[in-house]
Protein backbone atom coordinates (compact mmCIF):
# COMPACT_ATOMS: atom_id res chain seq x y z
CA MET A 1 0.36 0.53 -2.87
CA GLU A 2 1.66 -3.34 -3.62
CA PRO A 3 -0.97 -6.26 -2.85
CA LEU A 4 0.52 -8.71 -0.98
CA PHE A 5 -1.08 -11.90 -0.10
CA VAL A 6 0.83 -14.65 1.90
CA GLU A 7 -0.73 -17.86 2.75
CA PRO A 8 -2.80 -16.43 5.82
CA PHE A 9 -3.06 -19.38 7.93
CA SER A 10 0.60 -19.68 8.29
CA PRO A 11 1.69 -18.50 11.85
CA ALA A 12 4.89 -16.93 11.77
CA TYR A 13 5.72 -17.18 8.18
CA TYR A 14 6.41 -13.49 6.83
CA GLY A 15 8.24 -13.99 3.70
CA ASP A 16 10.72 -11.46 2.06
CA ARG A 17 7.63 -9.70 -0.25
CA LEU A 18 6.48 -7.75 2.72
CA PHE A 19 10.05 -6.28 3.33
CA ASN A 20 10.82 -5.98 -0.60
CA CYS A 21 7.77 -3.83 -0.55
CA LEU A 22 8.99 -1.79 2.53
CA HIS A 23 12.56 -1.40 1.11
CA ALA A 24 11.15 0.04 -1.80
CA GLY A 25 8.93 2.46 0.05
CA THR A 26 5.66 1.28 -1.39
CA ILE A 27 2.65 0.20 1.27
CA PRO A 28 1.91 -3.42 1.24
CA ILE A 29 -1.96 -4.28 1.65
CA TYR A 30 -1.19 -7.55 3.57
CA TRP A 31 -3.02 -10.91 4.00
CA GLY A 32 -0.88 -13.12 5.76
CA ALA A 33 0.36 -14.12 9.39
CA HIS A 34 -1.87 -13.23 11.99
CA ASP A 35 1.11 -12.15 14.35
CA ILE A 36 2.60 -9.99 11.74
CA GLN A 37 2.14 -6.84 14.15
CA GLU A 38 4.62 -8.27 16.40
CA ILE A 39 7.53 -7.83 13.82
CA VAL A 40 5.92 -4.79 11.46
CA PRO A 41 4.32 -1.91 13.20
CA PRO A 42 0.59 -1.31 11.94
CA GLY A 43 1.21 2.07 10.24
CA ALA A 44 3.67 0.24 7.94
CA PHE A 45 0.80 -1.91 5.89
CA ILE A 46 -2.58 -2.12 5.04
CA ASP A 47 -3.70 -5.07 6.97
CA ARG A 48 -6.29 -6.79 4.29
CA ARG A 49 -7.74 -8.89 7.25
CA ALA A 50 -9.55 -5.67 8.71
CA LEU A 51 -11.12 -4.85 5.48
CA ILE A 52 -14.44 -7.07 5.24
CA SER A 53 -13.88 -7.42 1.58
CA GLU A 54 -13.17 -6.16 -1.98
CA THR A 55 -15.53 -3.47 -1.76
CA GLY A 56 -14.33 -2.46 1.58
CA LEU A 57 -10.68 -2.73 0.49
CA ARG A 58 -11.27 -0.50 -2.41
CA GLN A 59 -13.26 2.39 -0.26
CA PHE A 60 -10.38 2.48 2.14
CA LEU A 61 -7.94 3.01 -0.91
CA HIS A 62 -10.35 5.83 -2.19
CA ARG A 63 -11.23 7.23 1.02
CA ASP A 64 -9.04 6.71 4.07
CA ALA A 65 -5.44 5.50 2.82
CA TYR A 66 -4.01 8.82 2.06
CA ARG A 67 -5.07 10.42 5.68
CA ARG A 68 -3.57 6.98 7.35
CA PHE A 69 -0.53 7.08 5.37
CA ALA A 70 0.77 10.61 4.62
CA PRO A 71 3.96 10.29 3.31
CA GLU A 72 6.16 12.24 5.47
CA THR A 73 4.58 9.70 8.48
CA PHE A 74 5.06 6.80 6.32
CA VAL A 75 8.54 7.28 5.12
CA GLN A 76 9.57 7.98 8.71
CA LEU A 77 8.03 4.86 10.10
CA ILE A 78 9.68 2.59 7.40
CA LEU A 79 12.99 4.15 8.12
CA ASP A 80 12.68 3.20 11.78
CA LEU A 81 11.46 0.20 11.19
CA LEU A 82 14.41 -0.79 8.66
CA ALA A 83 17.13 0.72 10.88
CA GLY A 84 16.19 -0.90 13.92
């Protein structure tokens, strides 16, 4: 997983780092534009804004990330996203 923090209050600015992570097949931890889900499906990244603290992020990564981002599901989602 790749931490990816973009200016969180920059609407409609996504930068290329998010897409670089997806092209590399990593799961980005995204903290950036509030409308990112209009461009990238929620299952393709970890939305840092939804996790209240660093402790919450750490707990998510240790407990829940593998279930939410099962490799076969994640890879197919990314392939579909990049193809479309």
